[in-house]
Amino acid sequence: MNRLLFGNVVLLVFLGVFPDPAQAQESGNFSCPAPREDALPALCAPPTSEIEAAAGEPVQISLTVPEGTPLRIALDQRTRVLHVGEPVHGQLVEPVYAFDQQVIPAGSVVTGRITGIDSVPVKARVFSYSGGNFTPFRKYQVDFDVLTLPDGKVLNIKTATSPGTPEVVHLVANKPTEEKKKNAAARAASNAKQNAESQIHSGIGQIKSPNLMHRLKTLVYSQSPVHRQYIEKGTRFDAALEGALSFGDAVRTRTELAQLGSAPEPECLLHARLTAGVSSAEATRGSTVSAVLTEPVFSANHLLLLPANTRLLGEVQEARPARNFHRNGELRIAFNRIELPSGLTQAIQGTLEGLEVDRTAHLALDQEGGTHATTPKTRYLSTGFALVMLAAASRPDTEHGTTDAAGDADTRAGAGISGSRLTGSLISMAARSQPVSIAFGALGATQSVYSNFLSGGRDVNLPQNTPLEIGFAPPHDDAKKPVQTKP
């Protein structure tokens, strides 16, 4: 009964049929003792007769995508970073919703251009040259300005675009077996629904990150001293709208909106995005975290519970910055209340079940929704290779009782690669000098040991608009325990 009453109050306040409880108290529109500051709005509700009187009227909803909403775009063509003005072409990988309706389908075509190419700072250029790379990476800016819907309608837009992410990975919390099955079922149902809606209008499924063979070719090509810079097909951008987009109005009955504002059902998986970035390097325990729903939430009988752009508020439960000797950072956040566009709030229990991040961030999720940076196991392999090359280059090449001052050719090549990639290998081979090979080997070993074991670890950085999957269920037993601080 309380849930239904709260839903009716939320509906009336949200649509302007009934005033906000605080405003009504001031104006004397209805008599009710002023609620406590932390009380739910349902504690001060209008008479049942007023709710019933308004129940039969249809409601007109404005379908507006607010300013700041990101369009998640994947390039469908490889683009060279050479000149400002170079065109870029992509498609939306996620639909955009207004209230309870999809207004921009996945697969909509978005075009723009490269608007800036930064010069490489002197320090970065020196480090790049010392590593044998004479064409260091140049930062670039991309702006998208034309959106073409599947029905052929063209919209001129203005966006502020984030840096591109060549490879995106979908992280899922490491749950126990039974919870994995439940979460997998919820995620599969959500993905099936989204795919069914998007594939009607688009071939977005054809846009994929480069396959393994292409990535290997790109890696080998990047080892050459001089190479071209490209924005690879599949690179993703978040293009935030700098102006609201209107898609007209929609009419909903009061019955369809009867449960508006109700809490999601148990095991429901919500899709949201961060409204502001959060980092283990700066966050403190208790810091506020904010997100908004990117998709509406419906009940089992398809009644709207929460519209798109509903705010989810939470806090940082644990934050540990990265430290020296390659000790990585950790971050754990949880969501504890919902705030509707009307300003009404309701307490909830939400845990982080999944998120999408850059592959190079090397992040992982634990079963309580905690995010921590990981260190690739390849650091042992690369460091071992560098040390072996240094040791081999330092030994004299003795064969048939004679010593070759130049050293073994394979060893010279390996030491050069360890120190300065292909450039170092060519120089070491051409010099035919053991001291040169030792110098390259020592450079490679020093860089590898420092970067993999002695330098600072990685922080957990979740940038603005990071896609999240939030589950609502009773908290894990481990999550109820106080956080133990490591020395």
Protein backbone atom coordinates (compact mmCIF):
# COMPACT_ATOMS: atom_id res chain seq x y z
CA MET A 1 0.00 0.00 0.00
CA ASN A 2 2.80 2.41 0.93
CA ARG A 3 4.61 1.62 -2.33
CA LEU A 4 1.47 2.38 -4.38
CA LEU A 5 0.83 5.60 -2.46
CA PHE A 6 4.42 6.73 -2.98
CA GLY A 7 4.13 5.98 -6.69
CA ASN A 8 0.95 8.08 -6.98
CA VAL A 9 2.53 11.02 -5.16
CA VAL A 10 5.63 10.82 -7.34
CA LEU A 11 3.45 10.74 -10.45
CA LEU A 12 1.45 13.80 -9.46
CA VAL A 13 4.48 15.82 -8.36
CA PHE A 14 6.55 14.76 -11.39
CA LEU A 15 3.80 15.80 -13.85
CA GLY A 16 2.83 18.97 -12.01
CA VAL A 17 -0.70 17.81 -11.14
CA PHE A 18 0.03 18.07 -7.44
CA PRO A 19 2.62 20.40 -5.88
CA ASP A 20 5.76 19.32 -4.13
CA PRO A 21 4.99 18.53 -0.45
CA ALA A 22 7.34 21.25 0.83
CA GLN A 23 5.81 23.89 -1.46
CA ALA A 24 2.27 22.83 -0.54
CA GLN A 25 3.08 23.12 3.14
CA GLU A 26 4.26 26.70 2.65
CA SER A 27 1.25 27.75 0.58
CA GLY A 28 -1.31 25.94 2.74
CA ASN A 29 -2.73 23.91 -0.15
CA PHE A 30 -3.19 20.90 2.16
CA SER A 31 -2.78 20.37 5.85
CA CYS A 32 0.01 18.08 6.90
CA PRO A 33 2.67 18.40 9.56
CA ALA A 34 6.05 19.29 8.06
CA PRO A 35 7.97 16.05 7.41
CA ARG A 36 11.38 15.46 8.83
CA GLU A 37 14.31 16.34 6.58
CA ASP A 38 15.12 12.65 5.97
CA ALA A 39 11.50 11.49 5.57
CA LEU A 40 10.15 10.12 2.28
CA PRO A 41 7.72 12.38 0.40
CA ALA A 42 5.04 9.69 0.77
CA LEU A 43 4.75 10.66 4.46
CA CYS A 44 2.91 13.79 3.38
CA ALA A 45 0.42 12.67 0.72
CA PRO A 46 -2.70 14.24 -0.82
CA PRO A 47 -6.15 12.88 -0.01
CA THR A 48 -7.09 9.67 -1.84
CA SER A 49 -10.04 11.42 -3.51
CA GLU A 50 -7.68 13.86 -5.27
CA ILE A 51 -5.55 10.99 -6.58
CA GLU A 52 -8.60 9.16 -7.88
CA ALA A 53 -9.93 12.33 -9.54
CA ALA A 54 -6.75 12.75 -11.53
CA ALA A 55 -6.31 9.07 -12.31
CA GLY A 56 -8.32 9.03 -15.52
CA GLU A 57 -6.71 11.97 -17.31
CA PRO A 58 -4.10 11.23 -20.03
CA VAL A 59 -0.69 12.77 -19.51
CA GLN A 60 1.42 14.51 -22.14
CA ILE A 61 5.15 13.82 -21.79
CA SER A 62 7.85 15.93 -23.44
CA LEU A 63 10.46 13.68 -25.09
CA THR A 64 13.63 15.71 -24.65
CA VAL A 65 17.23 14.51 -24.54
CA PRO A 66 18.93 16.92 -22.10
CA GLU A 67 22.15 18.79 -22.66
CA GLY A 68 25.20 16.78 -21.61
CA THR A 69 23.79 13.43 -22.70
CA PRO A 70 26.62 11.44 -24.35
CA LEU A 71 26.25 9.72 -27.70
CA ARG A 72 28.37 6.54 -27.61
CA ILE A 73 29.92 6.31 -31.06
CA ALA A 74 32.12 3.67 -32.68
CA LEU A 75 34.02 4.54 -35.85
CA ASP A 76 33.13 2.29 -38.79
CA GLN A 77 36.08 3.46 -40.90
CA ARG A 78 39.80 3.69 -40.26
CA THR A 79 40.90 7.33 -40.24
CA ARG A 80 44.42 8.69 -40.56
CA VAL A 81 45.53 11.42 -38.17
CA LEU A 82 47.28 13.75 -40.58
CA HIS A 83 45.40 17.01 -41.16
CA VAL A 84 42.82 19.03 -39.25
CA GLY A 85 39.49 18.70 -41.03
CA GLU A 86 39.88 15.00 -41.85
CA PRO A 87 36.34 13.49 -41.85
CA VAL A 88 35.33 10.82 -39.32
CA HIS A 89 32.36 8.49 -39.66
CA GLY A 90 30.71 6.28 -37.07
CA GLN A 91 27.54 4.78 -35.65
CA LEU A 92 25.82 4.80 -32.27
CA VAL A 93 26.50 1.63 -30.30
CA GLU A 94 23.83 2.35 -27.67
CA PRO A 95 20.31 3.79 -28.07
CA VAL A 96 19.32 7.06 -26.39
CA TYR A 97 16.09 7.33 -24.40
CA ALA A 98 13.85 10.24 -23.42
CA PHE A 99 11.59 9.47 -20.45
CA ASP A 100 10.39 5.93 -21.34
CA GLN A 101 10.89 5.92 -25.11
CA GLN A 102 13.83 5.25 -27.40
CA VAL A 103 14.33 8.36 -29.54
CA ILE A 104 17.78 7.75 -31.09
CA PRO A 105 18.25 4.09 -32.08
CA ALA A 106 21.56 2.29 -32.01
CA GLY A 107 23.01 2.28 -35.51
CA SER A 108 22.21 5.94 -36.20
CA VAL A 109 24.98 7.42 -38.32
CA VAL A 110 27.13 10.20 -36.87
CA THR A 111 29.71 12.17 -38.83
CA GLY A 112 32.25 14.82 -37.90
CA ARG A 113 35.86 15.77 -38.38
CA ILE A 114 39.24 16.02 -36.70
CA THR A 115 39.32 19.53 -35.23
CA GLY A 116 42.77 19.57 -33.67
CA ILE A 117 46.11 17.75 -33.60
CA ASP A 118 48.43 18.61 -30.72
CA SER A 119 52.17 18.87 -31.00
CA VAL A 120 54.25 16.47 -28.92
CA PRO A 121 55.85 18.02 -25.80
CA VAL A 122 59.65 18.09 -25.79
CA LYS A 123 59.94 15.73 -22.82
CA ALA A 124 57.64 13.16 -24.41
CA ARG A 125 59.49 13.49 -27.71
CA VAL A 126 62.87 12.84 -26.03
CA PHE A 127 61.57 9.71 -24.26
CA SER A 128 60.01 8.51 -27.51
CA TYR A 129 63.21 9.02 -29.48
CA SER A 130 65.27 7.26 -26.81
CA GLY A 131 62.94 4.27 -27.16
CA GLY A 132 63.47 4.13 -30.91
CA ASN A 133 60.12 5.70 -31.87
CA PHE A 134 60.61 8.73 -34.14
CA THR A 135 56.87 9.29 -34.73
CA PRO A 136 55.46 9.63 -31.19
CA PHE A 137 51.72 9.58 -30.58
CA ARG A 138 49.99 12.92 -31.12
CA LYS A 139 46.83 13.75 -29.22
CA TYR A 140 43.90 14.75 -31.40
CA GLN A 141 40.40 16.18 -30.99
CA VAL A 142 37.31 14.94 -32.80
CA ASP A 143 33.94 16.70 -33.03
CA PHE A 144 30.71 15.16 -34.32
CA ASP A 145 28.17 17.56 -35.82
CA VAL A 146 25.68 15.59 -37.93
CA LEU A 147 23.33 12.85 -36.70
CA THR A 148 21.34 10.82 -39.24
CA LEU A 149 18.51 8.67 -37.86
CA PRO A 150 17.56 5.33 -39.48
CA ASP A 151 14.43 6.93 -40.97
CA GLY A 152 16.63 9.41 -42.87
CA LYS A 153 16.02 12.42 -40.63
CA VAL A 154 19.15 14.57 -40.30
CA LEU A 155 19.91 16.56 -37.13
CA ASN A 156 22.67 19.13 -36.77
CA ILE A 157 24.27 18.71 -33.37
CA LYS A 158 27.09 20.24 -31.38
CA THR A 159 29.15 18.00 -29.14
CA ALA A 160 32.10 17.93 -26.77
CA THR A 161 33.90 14.68 -27.48
CA SER A 162 36.08 12.64 -25.14
CA PRO A 163 39.39 11.08 -26.27
CA GLY A 164 38.93 7.89 -28.27
CA THR A 165 39.18 4.44 -26.70
CA PRO A 166 40.60 1.90 -29.18
CA GLU A 167 39.51 -1.17 -27.22
CA VAL A 168 36.67 -1.34 -24.70
CA VAL A 169 36.20 -4.28 -22.33
CA HIS A 170 33.09 -5.21 -20.38
CA LEU A 171 33.94 -6.09 -16.77
CA VAL A 172 31.58 -8.25 -14.70
CA ALA A 173 31.75 -8.63 -10.91
CA ASN A 174 33.30 -11.92 -9.77
CA LYS A 175 30.19 -13.35 -8.11
CA PRO A 176 29.60 -16.77 -6.53
CA THR A 177 28.16 -19.37 -8.90
CA GLU A 178 24.47 -18.90 -8.03
CA GLU A 179 24.68 -15.12 -8.27
CA LYS A 180 26.55 -15.42 -11.55
CA LYS A 181 23.65 -17.37 -13.01
CA LYS A 182 21.11 -14.77 -11.89
CA ASN A 183 23.17 -11.85 -13.13
CA ALA A 184 23.91 -13.59 -16.42
CA ALA A 185 20.19 -14.18 -16.96
CA ALA A 186 19.33 -10.56 -16.22
CA ARG A 187 22.15 -9.32 -18.45
CA ALA A 188 21.15 -11.68 -21.28
CA ALA A 189 17.52 -10.54 -21.12
CA SER A 190 18.57 -6.89 -21.19
CA ASN A 191 20.96 -7.42 -24.09
CA ALA A 192 18.39 -9.42 -26.06
CA LYS A 193 15.85 -6.64 -25.68
CA GLN A 194 18.33 -3.98 -26.75
CA ASN A 195 19.60 -6.00 -29.73
CA ALA A 196 16.08 -6.72 -30.94
CA GLU A 197 15.31 -3.01 -30.93
CA SER A 198 18.54 -1.87 -32.54
CA GLN A 199 18.96 -4.50 -35.26
CA ILE A 200 15.65 -3.51 -36.83
CA HIS A 201 17.23 -0.30 -38.04
CA SER A 202 20.96 -0.90 -38.25
CA GLY A 203 23.91 -3.08 -38.94
CA ILE A 204 25.67 -1.95 -35.80
CA GLY A 205 26.68 -5.54 -35.06
CA GLN A 206 29.15 -5.30 -37.93
CA ILE A 207 31.24 -2.71 -36.07
CA LYS A 208 33.68 -4.68 -33.96
CA SER A 209 37.02 -4.02 -32.38
CA PRO A 210 39.95 -5.17 -34.52
CA ASN A 211 40.54 -8.94 -34.40
CA LEU A 212 43.63 -10.54 -32.93
CA MET A 213 45.51 -10.77 -36.23
CA HIS A 214 44.89 -7.10 -37.00
CA ARG A 215 46.04 -6.11 -33.51
CA LEU A 216 49.24 -8.12 -33.96
CA LYS A 217 49.93 -6.46 -37.30
CA THR A 218 49.31 -3.04 -35.75
CA LEU A 219 51.66 -3.88 -32.86
CA VAL A 220 54.44 -4.97 -35.21
CA TYR A 221 53.93 -1.88 -37.37
CA SER A 222 54.10 0.39 -34.31
CA GLN A 223 57.55 -1.01 -33.49
CA SER A 224 59.03 0.55 -36.62
CA PRO A 225 60.92 3.82 -36.08
CA VAL A 226 58.63 5.77 -38.43
CA HIS A 227 54.97 4.91 -38.87
CA ARG A 228 51.66 6.61 -39.59
CA GLN A 229 49.09 7.30 -36.90
CA TYR A 230 45.52 6.10 -37.40
CA ILE A 231 42.25 6.13 -35.50
CA GLU A 232 41.32 2.48 -35.86
CA LYS A 233 37.91 1.17 -36.83
CA GLY A 234 35.90 0.38 -33.69
CA THR A 235 37.45 3.23 -31.64
CA ARG A 236 34.77 4.56 -29.28
CA PHE A 237 33.98 8.14 -28.36
CA ASP A 238 31.55 9.78 -25.94
CA ALA A 239 30.15 12.84 -27.72
CA ALA A 240 28.27 14.88 -25.09
CA LEU A 241 25.48 17.04 -26.51
CA GLU A 242 26.01 20.77 -25.96
CA GLY A 243 22.31 21.47 -26.50
CA ALA A 244 19.07 19.63 -25.74
CA LEU A 245 17.31 17.69 -28.51
CA SER A 246 13.50 17.63 -28.66
CA PHE A 247 11.58 14.72 -30.20
CA GLY A 248 8.06 16.01 -29.61
CA ASP A 249 5.56 14.75 -27.07
CA ALA A 250 4.08 11.41 -26.07
CA VAL A 251 0.79 10.63 -24.32
CA ARG A 252 0.66 8.18 -21.41
CA THR A 253 -2.30 7.06 -19.35
CA ARG A 254 -2.31 7.30 -15.57
CA THR A 255 -2.43 3.53 -15.41
CA GLU A 256 0.81 3.27 -17.37
CA LEU A 257 2.46 5.65 -14.88
CA ALA A 258 0.84 4.27 -11.73
CA GLN A 259 4.11 2.78 -10.41
CA LEU A 260 6.37 5.69 -11.34
CA GLY A 261 8.96 6.15 -8.63
CA SER A 262 8.77 2.62 -7.24
CA ALA A 263 11.99 0.80 -6.42
CA PRO A 264 13.34 -1.72 -8.95
CA GLU A 265 12.52 -5.35 -8.41
CA PRO A 266 15.12 -7.65 -6.78
CA GLU A 267 17.87 -8.87 -9.12
CA CYS A 268 17.03 -6.08 -11.57
CA LEU A 269 20.04 -4.88 -13.55
CA LEU A 270 20.06 -1.14 -14.33
CA HIS A 271 22.09 0.63 -17.00
CA ALA A 272 23.54 3.98 -15.98
CA ARG A 273 26.50 6.31 -16.53
CA LEU A 274 28.66 8.36 -14.18
CA THR A 275 27.90 12.08 -14.24
CA ALA A 276 31.37 12.92 -12.89
CA GLY A 277 34.64 11.01 -12.87
CA VAL A 278 35.93 9.30 -9.74
CA SER A 279 39.49 8.17 -9.02
CA SER A 280 41.17 6.18 -6.28
CA ALA A 281 43.91 8.83 -6.26
CA GLU A 282 41.57 11.60 -5.08
CA ALA A 283 38.39 10.03 -3.67
CA THR A 284 37.90 9.61 0.07
CA ARG A 285 35.59 7.33 1.96
CA GLY A 286 32.10 8.86 2.10
CA SER A 287 32.55 11.01 -1.03
CA THR A 288 29.34 11.36 -3.06
CA VAL A 289 29.04 9.51 -6.36
CA SER A 290 26.34 10.38 -8.89
CA ALA A 291 25.01 8.53 -11.93
CA VAL A 292 21.94 8.73 -14.19
CA LEU A 293 19.94 5.98 -15.83
CA THR A 294 20.56 5.62 -19.55
CA GLU A 295 17.54 3.31 -19.99
CA PRO A 296 14.10 3.38 -18.33
CA VAL A 297 13.22 0.65 -15.84
CA PHE A 298 9.96 -1.27 -16.09
CA SER A 299 8.16 -3.71 -13.81
CA ALA A 300 7.44 -7.32 -14.71
CA ASN A 301 4.06 -6.24 -16.14
CA HIS A 302 5.77 -3.48 -18.16
CA LEU A 303 4.72 -0.50 -16.05
CA LEU A 304 7.25 2.32 -15.84
CA LEU A 305 9.17 2.42 -12.56
CA LEU A 306 12.02 4.84 -13.30
CA PRO A 307 12.37 7.04 -16.40
CA ALA A 308 15.64 7.61 -18.22
CA ASN A 309 17.89 10.28 -16.64
CA THR A 310 16.74 9.40 -13.13
CA ARG A 311 19.60 10.18 -10.76
CA LEU A 312 21.25 7.50 -8.66
CA LEU A 313 23.24 8.75 -5.68
CA GLY A 314 25.77 6.83 -3.67
CA GLU A 315 29.10 7.10 -1.94
CA VAL A 316 32.65 5.83 -1.95
CA GLN A 317 32.96 2.97 0.52
CA GLU A 318 36.67 2.40 0.05
CA ALA A 319 39.43 4.28 -1.74
CA ARG A 320 43.12 3.43 -1.71
CA PRO A 321 45.51 5.31 -4.01
CA ALA A 322 48.34 3.66 -5.91
CA ARG A 323 51.67 3.52 -4.10
CA ASN A 324 55.32 2.91 -4.86
CA PHE A 325 56.74 -0.48 -5.81
CA HIS A 326 53.87 -1.05 -8.21
CA ARG A 327 51.13 -1.34 -5.59
CA ASN A 328 47.88 -0.55 -7.38
CA GLY A 329 44.89 1.48 -6.28
CA GLU A 330 41.45 0.23 -5.22
CA LEU A 331 37.99 1.81 -5.30
CA ARG A 332 34.59 0.59 -4.12
CA ILE A 333 31.34 2.51 -4.60
CA ALA A 334 27.71 1.71 -3.81
CA PHE A 335 24.41 3.46 -4.55
CA ASN A 336 21.89 4.08 -1.78
CA ARG A 337 19.13 6.37 -3.08
CA ILE A 338 17.17 7.35 -6.17
CA GLU A 339 16.33 10.94 -7.04
CA LEU A 340 13.60 11.54 -9.61
CA PRO A 341 13.57 14.62 -11.88
CA SER A 342 10.84 16.00 -9.59
CA GLY A 343 13.32 16.03 -6.69
CA LEU A 344 11.68 13.22 -4.73
CA THR A 345 14.05 10.58 -3.35
CA GLN A 346 13.77 6.98 -2.20
CA ALA A 347 16.27 4.78 -0.41
CA ILE A 348 17.61 1.77 -2.31
CA GLN A 349 20.48 -0.73 -2.11
CA GLY A 350 22.56 -0.87 -5.29
CA THR A 351 25.88 -2.55 -6.00
CA LEU A 352 28.15 -2.27 -9.00
CA GLU A 353 27.75 -5.40 -11.14
CA GLY A 354 29.56 -4.36 -14.33
CA LEU A 355 31.15 -1.51 -16.25
CA GLU A 356 32.88 -0.74 -19.54
CA VAL A 357 36.44 0.59 -19.48
CA ASP A 358 39.49 0.99 -21.67
CA ARG A 359 41.38 -2.30 -21.98
CA THR A 360 44.67 -0.54 -21.24
CA ALA A 361 43.34 0.56 -17.81
CA HIS A 362 43.79 -3.07 -16.60
CA LEU A 363 40.87 -3.05 -14.14
CA ALA A 364 38.91 -5.87 -12.50
CA LEU A 365 35.74 -6.14 -10.36
CA ASP A 366 35.44 -8.22 -7.18
CA GLN A 367 32.23 -9.76 -5.83
CA GLU A 368 31.35 -6.69 -3.68
CA GLY A 369 31.55 -4.38 -6.66
CA GLY A 370 35.02 -3.11 -5.77
CA THR A 371 37.24 -2.02 -8.64
CA HIS A 372 40.98 -2.54 -8.50
CA ALA A 373 43.82 -2.08 -10.95
CA THR A 374 45.71 -5.19 -12.03
CA THR A 375 49.23 -5.73 -13.30
CA PRO A 376 49.67 -7.84 -16.45
CA LYS A 377 51.66 -11.03 -15.93
CA THR A 378 53.69 -10.12 -19.00
CA ARG A 379 55.80 -7.82 -16.83
CA TYR A 380 57.71 -10.87 -15.61
CA LEU A 381 58.29 -12.06 -19.15
CA SER A 382 59.44 -8.68 -20.47
CA THR A 383 61.70 -8.02 -17.48
CA GLY A 384 63.16 -11.52 -17.69
CA PHE A 385 63.87 -11.07 -21.38
CA ALA A 386 65.64 -7.75 -20.74
CA LEU A 387 67.82 -9.22 -17.98
CA VAL A 388 68.72 -12.28 -20.07
CA MET A 389 69.71 -10.04 -23.00
CA LEU A 390 71.90 -7.91 -20.74
CA ALA A 391 73.61 -11.00 -19.31
CA ALA A 392 74.13 -12.50 -22.76
CA ALA A 393 75.54 -9.26 -24.17
CA SER A 394 77.99 -9.02 -21.25
CA ARG A 395 79.51 -12.45 -21.92
CA PRO A 396 82.27 -12.69 -24.55
CA ASP A 397 81.45 -14.75 -27.62
CA THR A 398 84.08 -17.51 -27.58
CA GLU A 399 84.06 -20.10 -30.32
CA HIS A 400 86.82 -22.48 -31.46
CA GLY A 401 89.20 -20.94 -28.93
CA THR A 402 88.87 -17.39 -30.28
CA THR A 403 86.90 -14.41 -28.96
CA ASP A 404 84.67 -12.32 -31.21
CA ALA A 405 84.80 -8.73 -29.93
CA ALA A 406 81.56 -7.90 -31.70
CA GLY A 407 79.62 -10.59 -29.84
CA ASP A 408 77.01 -12.97 -31.21
CA ALA A 409 74.73 -11.41 -33.87
CA ASP A 410 71.53 -12.77 -32.31
CA THR A 411 72.53 -11.42 -28.92
CA ARG A 412 73.28 -7.98 -30.38
CA ALA A 413 69.89 -7.91 -32.06
CA GLY A 414 68.08 -8.99 -28.89
CA ALA A 415 69.88 -6.45 -26.70
CA GLY A 416 69.07 -3.70 -29.17
CA ILE A 417 65.37 -4.59 -29.22
CA SER A 418 65.33 -4.67 -25.41
CA GLY A 419 66.74 -1.16 -25.19
CA SER A 420 65.27 0.72 -28.17
CA ARG A 421 63.05 -1.67 -30.12
CA LEU A 422 63.77 -2.09 -33.84
CA THR A 423 65.96 1.03 -34.02
CA GLY A 424 68.24 -0.27 -31.25
CA SER A 425 68.47 -3.65 -32.91
CA LEU A 426 69.59 -2.12 -36.23
CA ILE A 427 72.15 0.13 -34.52
CA SER A 428 73.53 -2.71 -32.43
CA MET A 429 73.82 -4.98 -35.47
CA ALA A 430 75.54 -2.29 -37.53
CA ALA A 431 77.98 -1.23 -34.79
CA ARG A 432 79.28 -4.79 -34.26
CA SER A 433 80.50 -3.69 -30.83
CA GLN A 434 79.98 -5.53 -27.55
CA PRO A 435 79.99 -2.29 -25.46
CA VAL A 436 77.17 -0.91 -27.66
CA SER A 437 75.17 -4.10 -27.17
CA ILE A 438 75.78 -3.96 -23.42
CA ALA A 439 74.61 -0.33 -23.36
CA PHE A 440 71.34 -1.19 -25.11
CA GLY A 441 70.85 -4.23 -22.86
CA ALA A 442 71.46 -2.16 -19.72
CA LEU A 443 69.02 0.51 -20.93
CA GLY A 444 66.31 -2.09 -21.57
CA ALA A 445 66.86 -3.88 -18.25
CA THR A 446 66.83 -0.64 -16.26
CA GLN A 447 63.66 0.64 -17.92
CA SER A 448 61.90 -2.70 -17.51
CA VAL A 449 62.79 -3.20 -13.83
CA TYR A 450 61.80 0.36 -12.94
CA SER A 451 58.52 0.48 -14.86
CA ASN A 452 57.38 -3.00 -13.82
CA PHE A 453 58.52 -3.20 -10.18
CA LEU A 454 59.85 0.06 -8.72
CA SER A 455 57.56 2.75 -10.12
CA GLY A 456 54.15 3.70 -8.73
CA GLY A 457 51.21 1.42 -9.37
CA ARG A 458 48.05 2.15 -11.35
CA ASP A 459 45.14 4.12 -9.94
CA VAL A 460 41.52 3.22 -10.61
CA ASN A 461 40.18 6.00 -12.82
CA LEU A 462 36.51 5.90 -13.86
CA PRO A 463 35.99 8.88 -16.18
CA GLN A 464 32.80 10.83 -16.65
CA ASN A 465 30.09 8.94 -18.59
CA THR A 466 31.57 5.52 -17.76
CA PRO A 467 28.79 2.97 -18.51
CA LEU A 468 27.69 1.10 -15.37
CA GLU A 469 25.52 -1.91 -14.59
CA ILE A 470 23.94 -1.60 -11.15
CA GLY A 471 22.16 -4.47 -9.44
CA PHE A 472 19.60 -4.17 -6.65
CA ALA A 473 19.65 -6.99 -4.12
CA PRO A 474 20.40 -7.58 -0.42
CA PRO A 475 24.02 -6.65 0.33
CA HIS A 476 26.65 -9.37 0.47
CA ASP A 477 27.64 -10.54 3.93
CA ASP A 478 31.23 -9.44 3.30
CA ALA A 479 30.04 -5.97 2.33
CA LYS A 480 28.44 -5.55 5.79
CA LYS A 481 31.78 -6.02 7.52
CA PRO A 482 33.87 -2.92 8.32
CA VAL A 483 36.56 -2.20 5.80
CA GLN A 484 39.99 -3.35 6.99
CA THR A 485 42.72 -0.86 6.21
CA LYS A 486 45.97 -2.41 5.08
CA PRO A 487 49.19 -0.98 6.50
